[in-house]
């Protein structure tokens, strides 16, 4: 029996750019475990979206995803992964487990993003939270667009940021194990 190399799919993009739609497609086409942060936050917190809880949920989903990779399963992490450091940490974690990592970047112009947010808020408010234009602009300013080398996998993974010996150490800092 030939073992296939599992793949960690990372959806990258701002809110309402199509990440969850892409993740659902990957889930089916690649037989991947889909881990969608917003679904967990909604189930646990309802109308609230506490930032500290979001980081912990992301970390827990990453742990589940890495364990599934270790067991030979494909995984799709479905949340923005706005920073290059986040993407590098997860690419390194996949490589350390003998898995591949693929980024799926979703982008839209601001007008279409706003239209989708408004449509989702009107049609399925239980799946989302209100988002102001000011929030969208702030998030766009924080977002680090993936490079072509990140997207096609040819770019080497960066070293961990200063102050961290390994990406695993950085992941534990970025995605804390509990809400403080």
C-alpha atoms as a PDB file:
ATOM      1  CA  UNK A   1       0.000   0.000   0.000  1.00  0.00           C
ATOM      2  CA  UNK A   2       1.366   3.409  -1.011  1.00  0.00           C
ATOM      3  CA  UNK A   3       0.992   6.158   1.596  1.00  0.00           C
ATOM      4  CA  UNK A   4       0.148   9.554   0.190  1.00  0.00           C
ATOM      5  CA  UNK A   5       1.720  12.668   1.615  1.00  0.00           C
ATOM      6  CA  UNK A   6      -0.938  14.642   3.510  1.00  0.00           C
ATOM      7  CA  UNK A   7      -1.485  18.298   2.689  1.00  0.00           C
ATOM      8  CA  UNK A   8      -2.235  21.264   4.930  1.00  0.00           C
ATOM      9  CA  UNK A   9      -4.348  23.741   2.957  1.00  0.00           C
ATOM     10  CA  UNK A  10      -4.294  27.304   4.300  1.00  0.00           C
ATOM     11  CA  UNK A  11      -7.015  29.740   3.251  1.00  0.00           C
ATOM     12  CA  UNK A  12      -5.655  33.276   3.239  1.00  0.00           C
ATOM     13  CA  UNK A  13      -7.643  36.471   2.872  1.00  0.00           C
ATOM     14  CA  UNK A  14      -9.752  39.160   4.451  1.00  0.00           C
ATOM     15  CA  UNK A  15     -13.386  38.678   5.571  1.00  0.00           C
ATOM     16  CA  UNK A  16     -15.924  37.693   2.892  1.00  0.00           C
ATOM     17  CA  UNK A  17     -13.362  37.076   0.157  1.00  0.00           C
ATOM     18  CA  UNK A  18     -14.392  33.438  -0.317  1.00  0.00           C
ATOM     19  CA  UNK A  19     -12.201  31.520   2.134  1.00  0.00           C
ATOM     20  CA  UNK A  20     -14.948  29.324   3.563  1.00  0.00           C
ATOM     21  CA  UNK A  21     -16.371  28.600   0.108  1.00  0.00           C
ATOM     22  CA  UNK A  22     -12.877  27.542  -0.999  1.00  0.00           C
ATOM     23  CA  UNK A  23     -12.393  25.514   2.196  1.00  0.00           C
ATOM     24  CA  UNK A  24     -15.664  23.659   1.658  1.00  0.00           C
ATOM     25  CA  UNK A  25     -14.593  22.816  -1.891  1.00  0.00           C
ATOM     26  CA  UNK A  26     -11.168  21.609  -0.676  1.00  0.00           C
ATOM     27  CA  UNK A  27     -12.867  19.570   2.059  1.00  0.00           C
ATOM     28  CA  UNK A  28     -14.796  17.608  -0.555  1.00  0.00           C
ATOM     29  CA  UNK A  29     -12.291  17.486  -3.412  1.00  0.00           C
ATOM     30  CA  UNK A  30      -9.278  16.630  -1.246  1.00  0.00           C
ATOM     31  CA  UNK A  31     -11.080  14.674   1.465  1.00  0.00           C
ATOM     32  CA  UNK A  32      -9.750  17.145   4.020  1.00  0.00           C
ATOM     33  CA  UNK A  33     -10.733  17.866   7.591  1.00  0.00           C
ATOM     34  CA  UNK A  34     -12.094  21.436   7.452  1.00  0.00           C
ATOM     35  CA  UNK A  35     -11.431  23.599  10.511  1.00  0.00           C
ATOM     36  CA  UNK A  36     -13.380  26.867  10.249  1.00  0.00           C
ATOM     37  CA  UNK A  37     -12.787  29.260  13.134  1.00  0.00           C
ATOM     38  CA  UNK A  38     -15.968  31.331  12.707  1.00  0.00           C
ATOM     39  CA  UNK A  39     -18.157  28.246  13.080  1.00  0.00           C
ATOM     40  CA  UNK A  40     -16.499  27.449  16.415  1.00  0.00           C
ATOM     41  CA  UNK A  41     -16.647  31.045  17.680  1.00  0.00           C
ATOM     42  CA  UNK A  42     -20.341  31.266  16.741  1.00  0.00           C
ATOM     43  CA  UNK A  43     -21.104  27.932  18.440  1.00  0.00           C
ATOM     44  CA  UNK A  44     -19.306  28.926  21.644  1.00  0.00           C
ATOM     45  CA  UNK A  45     -19.993  32.670  21.877  1.00  0.00           C
ATOM     46  CA  UNK A  46     -23.056  33.405  19.734  1.00  0.00           C
ATOM     47  CA  UNK A  47     -23.250  37.115  19.007  1.00  0.00           C
ATOM     48  CA  UNK A  48     -19.948  37.834  20.730  1.00  0.00           C
ATOM     49  CA  UNK A  49     -16.583  37.631  18.963  1.00  0.00           C
ATOM     50  CA  UNK A  50     -13.981  38.116  21.717  1.00  0.00           C
ATOM     51  CA  UNK A  51     -10.490  38.557  20.229  1.00  0.00           C
ATOM     52  CA  UNK A  52      -8.744  36.627  23.023  1.00  0.00           C
ATOM     53  CA  UNK A  53     -11.047  33.636  22.552  1.00  0.00           C
ATOM     54  CA  UNK A  54     -10.502  33.736  18.790  1.00  0.00           C
ATOM     55  CA  UNK A  55      -6.756  33.291  19.234  1.00  0.00           C
ATOM     56  CA  UNK A  56      -7.273  30.332  21.570  1.00  0.00           C
ATOM     57  CA  UNK A  57      -9.778  28.715  19.191  1.00  0.00           C
ATOM     58  CA  UNK A  58      -7.355  29.177  16.288  1.00  0.00           C
ATOM     59  CA  UNK A  59      -4.634  27.498  18.347  1.00  0.00           C
ATOM     60  CA  UNK A  60      -6.860  24.574  19.290  1.00  0.00           C
ATOM     61  CA  UNK A  61      -7.906  24.084  15.676  1.00  0.00           C
ATOM     62  CA  UNK A  62      -4.258  24.153  14.622  1.00  0.00           C
ATOM     63  CA  UNK A  63      -3.454  21.453  17.189  1.00  0.00           C
ATOM     64  CA  UNK A  64      -6.302  19.296  15.874  1.00  0.00           C
ATOM     65  CA  UNK A  65      -5.184  19.945  12.304  1.00  0.00           C
ATOM     66  CA  UNK A  66      -1.557  19.047  12.993  1.00  0.00           C
ATOM     67  CA  UNK A  67      -2.617  15.833  14.709  1.00  0.00           C
ATOM     68  CA  UNK A  68      -4.805  14.936  11.724  1.00  0.00           C
ATOM     69  CA  UNK A  69      -1.834  15.588   9.393  1.00  0.00           C
ATOM     70  CA  UNK A  70       0.326  13.379  11.590  1.00  0.00           C
ATOM     71  CA  UNK A  71      -2.270  10.623  11.113  1.00  0.00           C
ATOM     72  CA  UNK A  72      -2.049  11.034   7.333  1.00  0.00           C
ATOM     73  CA  UNK A  73      -5.155  13.154   6.703  1.00  0.00           C
ATOM     74  CA  UNK A  74      -5.473  16.287   4.595  1.00  0.00           C
ATOM     75  CA  UNK A  75      -6.509  19.371   6.550  1.00  0.00           C
ATOM     76  CA  UNK A  76      -7.844  22.791   5.575  1.00  0.00           C
ATOM     77  CA  UNK A  77      -7.393  25.661   8.041  1.00  0.00           C
ATOM     78  CA  UNK A  78     -10.128  28.185   7.287  1.00  0.00           C
ATOM     79  CA  UNK A  79      -9.351  31.601   8.658  1.00  0.00           C
ATOM     80  CA  UNK A  80      -7.526  34.645   7.370  1.00  0.00           C
ATOM     81  CA  UNK A  81      -3.883  33.969   8.266  1.00  0.00           C
ATOM     82  CA  UNK A  82      -3.181  37.633   7.616  1.00  0.00           C
ATOM     83  CA  UNK A  83       0.485  37.614   8.619  1.00  0.00           C
ATOM     84  CA  UNK A  84       3.410  36.030   6.872  1.00  0.00           C
ATOM     85  CA  UNK A  85       4.613  34.792  10.281  1.00  0.00           C
ATOM     86  CA  UNK A  86       1.379  32.834  10.788  1.00  0.00           C
ATOM     87  CA  UNK A  87       1.696  31.267   7.355  1.00  0.00           C
ATOM     88  CA  UNK A  88       5.407  30.502   7.838  1.00  0.00           C
ATOM     89  CA  UNK A  89       4.738  28.890  11.227  1.00  0.00           C
ATOM     90  CA  UNK A  90       2.106  26.600   9.723  1.00  0.00           C
ATOM     91  CA  UNK A  91       4.155  25.795   6.626  1.00  0.00           C
ATOM     92  CA  UNK A  92       7.036  24.793   8.949  1.00  0.00           C
ATOM     93  CA  UNK A  93       4.724  22.702  11.151  1.00  0.00           C
ATOM     94  CA  UNK A  94       3.455  20.821   8.085  1.00  0.00           C
ATOM     95  CA  UNK A  95       6.993  20.245   6.800  1.00  0.00           C
ATOM     96  CA  UNK A  96       8.089  18.999  10.230  1.00  0.00           C
ATOM     97  CA  UNK A  97       5.333  16.378  10.012  1.00  0.00           C
ATOM     98  CA  UNK A  98       6.323  15.311   6.505  1.00  0.00           C
ATOM     99  CA  UNK A  99       3.275  17.005   5.002  1.00  0.00           C
ATOM    100  CA  UNK A 100       2.916  19.520   2.214  1.00  0.00           C
ATOM    101  CA  UNK A 101       1.416  22.978   2.666  1.00  0.00           C
ATOM    102  CA  UNK A 102      -0.614  24.838   0.058  1.00  0.00           C
ATOM    103  CA  UNK A 103      -1.846  28.400   0.362  1.00  0.00           C
ATOM    104  CA  UNK A 104      -5.147  29.375  -1.251  1.00  0.00           C
ATOM    105  CA  UNK A 105      -5.325  33.158  -1.448  1.00  0.00           C
ATOM    106  CA  UNK A 106      -8.757  34.769  -1.785  1.00  0.00           C
ATOM    107  CA  UNK A 107      -8.953  38.451  -2.684  1.00  0.00           C
ATOM    108  CA  UNK A 108     -11.621  40.884  -3.790  1.00  0.00           C
ATOM    109  CA  UNK A 109     -11.908  44.576  -4.397  1.00  0.00           C
ATOM    110  CA  UNK A 110     -13.347  46.538  -1.465  1.00  0.00           C
ATOM    111  CA  UNK A 111     -16.732  47.170  -3.121  1.00  0.00           C
ATOM    112  CA  UNK A 112     -17.399  43.466  -3.771  1.00  0.00           C
ATOM    113  CA  UNK A 113     -16.193  42.577  -0.276  1.00  0.00           C
ATOM    114  CA  UNK A 114     -18.639  45.106   1.215  1.00  0.00           C
ATOM    115  CA  UNK A 115     -21.476  43.776  -0.986  1.00  0.00           C
ATOM    116  CA  UNK A 116     -20.819  40.204   0.190  1.00  0.00           C
ATOM    117  CA  UNK A 117     -20.660  41.244   3.843  1.00  0.00           C
ATOM    118  CA  UNK A 118     -23.961  43.122   3.548  1.00  0.00           C
ATOM    119  CA  UNK A 119     -25.592  40.218   1.712  1.00  0.00           C
ATOM    120  CA  UNK A 120     -24.455  37.689   4.318  1.00  0.00           C
ATOM    121  CA  UNK A 121     -25.598  39.960   7.148  1.00  0.00           C
ATOM    122  CA  UNK A 122     -29.031  40.248   5.498  1.00  0.00           C
ATOM    123  CA  UNK A 123     -29.453  36.577   4.512  1.00  0.00           C
ATOM    124  CA  UNK A 124     -27.591  34.661   7.230  1.00  0.00           C
ATOM    125  CA  UNK A 125     -26.842  36.915  10.204  1.00  0.00           C
ATOM    126  CA  UNK A 126     -26.362  33.860  12.449  1.00  0.00           C
ATOM    127  CA  UNK A 127     -23.162  33.031  10.498  1.00  0.00           C
ATOM    128  CA  UNK A 128     -21.405  36.379  10.769  1.00  0.00           C
ATOM    129  CA  UNK A 129     -20.921  39.599  12.713  1.00  0.00           C
ATOM    130  CA  UNK A 130     -21.478  43.200  11.637  1.00  0.00           C
ATOM    131  CA  UNK A 131     -18.355  44.775  10.091  1.00  0.00           C
ATOM    132  CA  UNK A 132     -17.905  48.481   9.591  1.00  0.00           C
ATOM    133  CA  UNK A 133     -16.023  50.121   6.743  1.00  0.00           C
ATOM    134  CA  UNK A 134     -13.538  51.394   9.337  1.00  0.00           C
ATOM    135  CA  UNK A 135     -12.895  47.840  10.568  1.00  0.00           C
ATOM    136  CA  UNK A 136     -12.438  46.608   7.009  1.00  0.00           C
ATOM    137  CA  UNK A 137      -9.944  49.386   6.264  1.00  0.00           C
ATOM    138  CA  UNK A 138      -8.028  48.641   9.473  1.00  0.00           C
ATOM    139  CA  UNK A 139      -7.889  44.939   8.721  1.00  0.00           C
ATOM    140  CA  UNK A 140      -6.761  45.595   5.140  1.00  0.00           C
ATOM    141  CA  UNK A 141      -3.920  47.752   6.508  1.00  0.00           C
ATOM    142  CA  UNK A 142      -2.804  44.856   8.755  1.00  0.00           C
ATOM    143  CA  UNK A 143      -2.973  42.227   6.011  1.00  0.00           C
ATOM    144  CA  UNK A 144       0.298  40.976   4.514  1.00  0.00           C
ATOM    145  CA  UNK A 145      -0.371  39.800   0.962  1.00  0.00           C
ATOM    146  CA  UNK A 146       1.261  36.438   0.235  1.00  0.00           C
ATOM    147  CA  UNK A 147       4.189  36.556  -2.159  1.00  0.00           C
ATOM    148  CA  UNK A 148       4.161  34.534  -5.383  1.00  0.00           C
ATOM    149  CA  UNK A 149       6.795  32.238  -3.808  1.00  0.00           C
ATOM    150  CA  UNK A 150       4.601  31.611  -0.773  1.00  0.00           C
ATOM    151  CA  UNK A 151       1.681  30.778  -3.043  1.00  0.00           C
ATOM    152  CA  UNK A 152       3.540  28.349  -5.302  1.00  0.00           C
ATOM    153  CA  UNK A 153       5.664  26.868  -2.497  1.00  0.00           C
ATOM    154  CA  UNK A 154       9.016  27.824  -4.033  1.00  0.00           C
ATOM    155  CA  UNK A 155       9.962  30.387  -1.407  1.00  0.00           C
ATOM    156  CA  UNK A 156      11.874  29.014   1.581  1.00  0.00           C
ATOM    157  CA  UNK A 157      10.181  29.291   4.959  1.00  0.00           C
ATOM    158  CA  UNK A 158      11.458  32.231   6.956  1.00  0.00           C
ATOM    159  CA  UNK A 159      13.355  31.823  10.209  1.00  0.00           C
ATOM    160  CA  UNK A 160      11.227  32.477  13.313  1.00  0.00           C
ATOM    161  CA  UNK A 161      10.955  36.089  14.471  1.00  0.00           C
ATOM    162  CA  UNK A 162      13.584  37.518  16.816  1.00  0.00           C
ATOM    163  CA  UNK A 163      13.183  36.201  20.341  1.00  0.00           C
ATOM    164  CA  UNK A 164      11.929  32.763  19.253  1.00  0.00           C
ATOM    165  CA  UNK A 165      14.231  29.784  18.740  1.00  0.00           C
ATOM    166  CA  UNK A 166      11.669  27.772  16.768  1.00  0.00           C
ATOM    167  CA  UNK A 167       8.400  28.206  14.954  1.00  0.00           C
ATOM    168  CA  UNK A 168       6.795  25.830  17.489  1.00  0.00           C
ATOM    169  CA  UNK A 169       7.760  28.265  20.258  1.00  0.00           C
ATOM    170  CA  UNK A 170       6.308  31.165  18.249  1.00  0.00           C
ATOM    171  CA  UNK A 171       3.069  29.216  17.599  1.00  0.00           C
ATOM    172  CA  UNK A 172       2.625  28.648  21.349  1.00  0.00           C
ATOM    173  CA  UNK A 173       3.024  32.404  21.902  1.00  0.00           C
ATOM    174  CA  UNK A 174       0.776  33.478  19.008  1.00  0.00           C
ATOM    175  CA  UNK A 175      -1.975  30.969  19.741  1.00  0.00           C
ATOM    176  CA  UNK A 176      -2.175  30.709  23.549  1.00  0.00           C
ATOM    177  CA  UNK A 177      -3.519  27.533  25.143  1.00  0.00           C
ATOM    178  CA  UNK A 178      -6.223  29.303  27.155  1.00  0.00           C
ATOM    179  CA  UNK A 179      -8.064  32.591  27.550  1.00  0.00           C
ATOM    180  CA  UNK A 180      -6.287  34.734  30.122  1.00  0.00           C
END
